């Protein structure tokens, strides 16, 4: 008999308040709008890395283009073992779908690096979407006073959805997969734990709510994918 279960994806996410990224972790994720030079807020990190970021920008290897993901080993120069640079593109072209797709790219980079924990610069993403006036359609953003908060909330949700959906795998018929897995963990624990870093309590509260909302949406999407992937002789109409 088949017992379908929704996957508890939110358990792997934490929201943490910190004025600046200084937490030891296998990886950090930093967000960048497209630019020709290293952003001013990255100058200290660039110095710690002996100008590596400046060289990347000058050589055109990374400039924050939409969907661009670059993994940099830090060789002990920073508390993180690796930096994952995530490009958001030009602010006038930044959309919710951009962030969701970028999260999937970051997830693939984390999997390739075998990172089991990552600190994501949520405040950096918030700064970027504040500059993206067309991030949400006008009717979705509400009035001018609420538009900025709406853009930030939508960005958190989009990244969380993309990262969680990237974790999906149809493993019902594999050893340790969902069919025979334990009820509490849905058969397979998430590959990576996410720490969403924010700079203030005002950012933390909505971030927690949006991540929880994303988890519920992804749980439903995972169930729908499972139903679609199960063979007809195993789960008949």
Protein backbone atom coordinates (compact mmCIF):
# COMPACT_ATOMS: atom_id res chain seq x y z
CA UNK A 1 0.00 0.00 0.00
CA UNK A 2 1.29 3.47 -0.90
CA UNK A 3 1.24 6.16 1.78
CA UNK A 4 1.90 9.59 0.29
CA UNK A 5 3.64 12.10 2.52
CA UNK A 6 4.43 15.75 2.09
CA UNK A 7 8.11 16.51 2.56
CA UNK A 8 9.05 18.70 5.59
CA UNK A 9 11.44 20.95 3.69
CA UNK A 10 11.39 23.95 6.07
CA UNK A 11 13.29 22.07 8.78
CA UNK A 12 16.60 22.73 7.00
CA UNK A 13 16.22 26.55 7.14
CA UNK A 14 17.11 29.02 9.88
CA UNK A 15 16.89 32.82 9.95
CA UNK A 16 19.72 34.47 11.85
CA UNK A 17 20.30 38.11 12.67
CA UNK A 18 23.87 39.39 12.14
CA UNK A 19 25.16 42.80 11.18
CA UNK A 20 27.69 41.34 8.74
CA UNK A 21 28.60 37.89 7.40
CA UNK A 22 31.21 36.49 9.80
CA UNK A 23 29.89 33.02 10.57
CA UNK A 24 32.06 29.98 9.97
CA UNK A 25 30.45 27.79 7.32
CA UNK A 26 31.35 25.57 4.38
CA UNK A 27 29.90 28.22 2.05
CA UNK A 28 28.51 31.74 1.89
CA UNK A 29 26.19 33.02 -0.83
CA UNK A 30 26.47 36.67 -1.87
CA UNK A 31 24.16 38.38 -4.37
CA UNK A 32 25.23 40.90 -6.99
CA UNK A 33 23.44 43.14 -9.42
CA UNK A 34 25.21 43.46 -12.74
CA UNK A 35 28.03 46.00 -12.61
CA UNK A 36 31.39 46.74 -14.20
CA UNK A 37 33.27 47.04 -10.90
CA UNK A 38 33.24 45.30 -7.52
CA UNK A 39 30.47 46.79 -5.34
CA UNK A 40 31.69 49.06 -2.55
CA UNK A 41 30.36 46.76 0.19
CA UNK A 42 32.63 43.97 -1.11
CA UNK A 43 35.89 45.95 -0.89
CA UNK A 44 36.88 44.50 2.50
CA UNK A 45 36.33 40.94 1.26
CA UNK A 46 38.24 41.77 -1.91
CA UNK A 47 41.23 42.92 0.16
CA UNK A 48 41.10 39.75 2.26
CA UNK A 49 41.15 37.73 -0.96
CA UNK A 50 44.14 39.69 -2.31
CA UNK A 51 42.08 41.40 -5.01
CA UNK A 52 40.54 38.21 -6.42
CA UNK A 53 37.10 39.80 -6.81
CA UNK A 54 38.55 42.81 -8.63
CA UNK A 55 40.39 40.51 -11.03
CA UNK A 56 37.18 38.59 -11.76
CA UNK A 57 35.31 41.81 -12.56
CA UNK A 58 38.11 43.27 -14.66
CA UNK A 59 38.46 40.07 -16.65
CA UNK A 60 34.72 39.75 -17.18
CA UNK A 61 34.65 36.33 -15.53
CA UNK A 62 31.94 37.50 -13.14
CA UNK A 63 30.01 40.76 -13.20
CA UNK A 64 26.69 39.75 -11.67
CA UNK A 65 24.96 38.78 -14.91
CA UNK A 66 21.55 37.19 -14.53
CA UNK A 67 21.80 33.56 -13.44
CA UNK A 68 25.59 33.61 -13.20
CA UNK A 69 27.01 31.50 -10.35
CA UNK A 70 30.71 31.38 -9.48
CA UNK A 71 32.28 29.34 -6.67
CA UNK A 72 35.50 30.67 -5.13
CA UNK A 73 37.65 28.82 -2.58
CA UNK A 74 38.78 31.27 0.10
CA UNK A 75 41.90 29.37 1.26
CA UNK A 76 41.24 30.51 4.84
CA UNK A 77 41.09 34.22 4.00
CA UNK A 78 37.45 34.35 5.15
CA UNK A 79 35.47 32.29 7.68
CA UNK A 80 33.69 30.48 4.85
CA UNK A 81 35.49 27.71 2.96
CA UNK A 82 33.90 28.92 -0.28
CA UNK A 83 32.16 32.00 -1.61
CA UNK A 84 29.30 31.48 -4.01
CA UNK A 85 28.77 34.61 -6.10
CA UNK A 86 25.21 34.78 -7.44
CA UNK A 87 24.33 37.16 -10.26
CA UNK A 88 20.94 38.90 -10.36
CA UNK A 89 21.46 40.84 -13.59
CA UNK A 90 20.43 44.40 -14.34
CA UNK A 91 17.99 45.87 -11.76
CA UNK A 92 15.46 46.89 -14.43
CA UNK A 93 15.25 43.26 -15.62
CA UNK A 94 15.22 41.56 -12.21
CA UNK A 95 12.07 39.49 -11.67
CA UNK A 96 10.78 36.89 -9.20
CA UNK A 97 11.52 34.13 -11.72
CA UNK A 98 15.14 35.31 -11.89
CA UNK A 99 15.62 34.77 -8.16
CA UNK A 100 13.87 31.40 -8.18
CA UNK A 101 16.03 30.14 -11.04
CA UNK A 102 19.19 31.54 -9.46
CA UNK A 103 18.43 29.61 -6.26
CA UNK A 104 18.38 26.38 -8.25
CA UNK A 105 21.77 27.26 -9.74
CA UNK A 106 23.17 27.97 -6.28
CA UNK A 107 21.77 24.65 -5.07
CA UNK A 108 23.54 22.79 -7.86
CA UNK A 109 26.81 24.57 -6.99
CA UNK A 110 26.40 23.61 -3.34
CA UNK A 111 25.76 19.99 -4.29
CA UNK A 112 28.84 19.93 -6.53
CA UNK A 113 30.92 21.35 -3.67
CA UNK A 114 29.36 18.83 -1.25
CA UNK A 115 28.53 21.68 1.14
CA UNK A 116 26.15 20.58 3.89
CA UNK A 117 25.58 24.08 5.29
CA UNK A 118 25.44 27.53 3.74
CA UNK A 119 24.95 31.09 5.01
CA UNK A 120 22.91 33.16 2.55
CA UNK A 121 23.21 36.95 2.58
CA UNK A 122 19.51 37.72 2.78
CA UNK A 123 20.20 41.39 3.49
CA UNK A 124 22.18 41.59 0.25
CA UNK A 125 19.24 40.21 -1.72
CA UNK A 126 16.95 42.71 -0.01
CA UNK A 127 19.24 45.58 -1.04
CA UNK A 128 19.18 44.37 -4.62
CA UNK A 129 15.40 44.14 -4.95
CA UNK A 130 14.96 47.59 -3.40
CA UNK A 131 16.73 48.90 -6.50
CA UNK A 132 14.56 46.78 -8.83
CA UNK A 133 11.39 48.82 -9.17
CA UNK A 134 9.89 46.37 -11.68
CA UNK A 135 10.60 43.28 -9.58
CA UNK A 136 6.86 42.86 -8.99
CA UNK A 137 4.01 43.98 -11.24
CA UNK A 138 2.54 47.30 -9.99
CA UNK A 139 -0.72 45.70 -8.89
CA UNK A 140 1.18 43.04 -6.89
CA UNK A 141 3.37 45.49 -5.03
CA UNK A 142 0.52 47.54 -3.55
CA UNK A 143 0.89 51.22 -2.73
CA UNK A 144 4.25 52.98 -2.77
CA UNK A 145 4.76 52.65 0.99
CA UNK A 146 4.28 48.87 0.87
CA UNK A 147 6.07 48.20 -2.42
CA UNK A 148 9.56 47.86 -0.95
CA UNK A 149 8.47 45.41 1.73
CA UNK A 150 6.49 43.43 -0.85
CA UNK A 151 9.53 43.13 -3.12
CA UNK A 152 11.76 41.95 -0.27
CA UNK A 153 9.22 39.36 0.89
CA UNK A 154 8.72 38.03 -2.64
CA UNK A 155 12.49 37.70 -3.10
CA UNK A 156 12.89 35.62 0.08
CA UNK A 157 10.03 33.35 -0.93
CA UNK A 158 11.31 32.95 -4.49
CA UNK A 159 14.83 31.99 -3.39
CA UNK A 160 13.52 29.55 -0.78
CA UNK A 161 11.16 27.95 -3.32
CA UNK A 162 13.92 27.57 -5.89
CA UNK A 163 16.36 26.08 -3.39
CA UNK A 164 13.80 23.66 -1.96
CA UNK A 165 12.53 22.56 -5.38
CA UNK A 166 16.13 21.89 -6.38
CA UNK A 167 16.28 19.33 -3.54
CA UNK A 168 13.45 17.28 -5.06
CA UNK A 169 14.31 13.78 -6.21
CA UNK A 170 11.97 10.93 -7.08
CA UNK A 171 13.53 8.15 -5.02
CA UNK A 172 10.58 5.96 -4.09
CA UNK A 173 12.14 2.81 -5.47
CA UNK A 174 15.66 3.39 -4.21
CA UNK A 175 17.04 2.07 -0.94
CA UNK A 176 16.23 4.65 1.74
CA UNK A 177 13.80 6.46 -0.54
CA UNK A 178 10.38 7.81 0.38
CA UNK A 179 8.48 4.53 0.10
CA UNK A 180 10.54 2.91 2.85
CA UNK A 181 11.86 6.03 4.56
CA UNK A 182 10.93 7.08 8.07
CA UNK A 183 7.81 9.22 8.54
CA UNK A 184 9.56 12.07 10.32
CA UNK A 185 12.19 12.79 7.68
CA UNK A 186 10.19 11.95 4.56
CA UNK A 187 12.69 9.27 3.58
CA UNK A 188 15.68 11.51 2.76
CA UNK A 189 17.07 14.47 4.68
CA UNK A 190 17.82 17.69 2.78
CA UNK A 191 21.31 17.79 1.26
CA UNK A 192 22.11 21.24 2.66
CA UNK A 193 21.06 23.33 5.67
CA UNK A 194 20.45 27.01 4.93
CA UNK A 195 21.06 29.93 7.28
CA UNK A 196 19.32 33.06 6.01
CA UNK A 197 21.28 36.04 7.34
CA UNK A 198 19.44 39.31 7.96
CA UNK A 199 20.68 42.56 9.47
CA UNK A 200 17.74 43.40 11.73
CA UNK A 201 14.73 41.99 13.55
CA UNK A 202 12.52 43.89 11.10
CA UNK A 203 13.94 41.73 8.30
CA UNK A 204 13.89 38.50 10.32
CA UNK A 205 10.16 38.31 11.02
CA UNK A 206 8.92 38.50 7.41
CA UNK A 207 11.79 36.27 6.24
CA UNK A 208 10.67 33.48 8.58
CA UNK A 209 7.08 33.81 7.38
CA UNK A 210 8.05 33.73 3.70
CA UNK A 211 10.31 30.69 4.12
CA UNK A 212 7.49 28.86 5.91
CA UNK A 213 5.08 29.80 3.10
CA UNK A 214 7.58 28.59 0.50
CA UNK A 215 7.98 25.29 2.33
CA UNK A 216 4.23 24.62 2.20
CA UNK A 217 4.10 25.45 -1.51
CA UNK A 218 7.06 23.16 -2.22
CA UNK A 219 5.60 20.34 -0.14
CA UNK A 220 2.53 20.45 -2.37
CA UNK A 221 4.65 20.62 -5.51
CA UNK A 222 6.70 17.61 -4.36
CA UNK A 223 3.50 15.63 -3.78
CA UNK A 224 2.26 16.53 -7.27
CA UNK A 225 5.59 15.45 -8.78
CA UNK A 226 5.48 12.16 -6.88
CA UNK A 227 1.96 11.45 -8.17
CA UNK A 228 3.07 12.23 -11.71
CA UNK A 229 6.21 10.05 -11.46
CA UNK A 230 4.64 6.97 -9.87
CA UNK A 231 3.84 4.26 -12.47
CA UNK A 232 0.17 3.56 -13.16
CA UNK A 233 0.38 -0.07 -12.01
CA UNK A 234 1.74 1.11 -8.67
CA UNK A 235 -0.76 3.89 -8.02
CA UNK A 236 -3.79 3.32 -10.30
CA UNK A 237 -6.45 6.02 -10.73
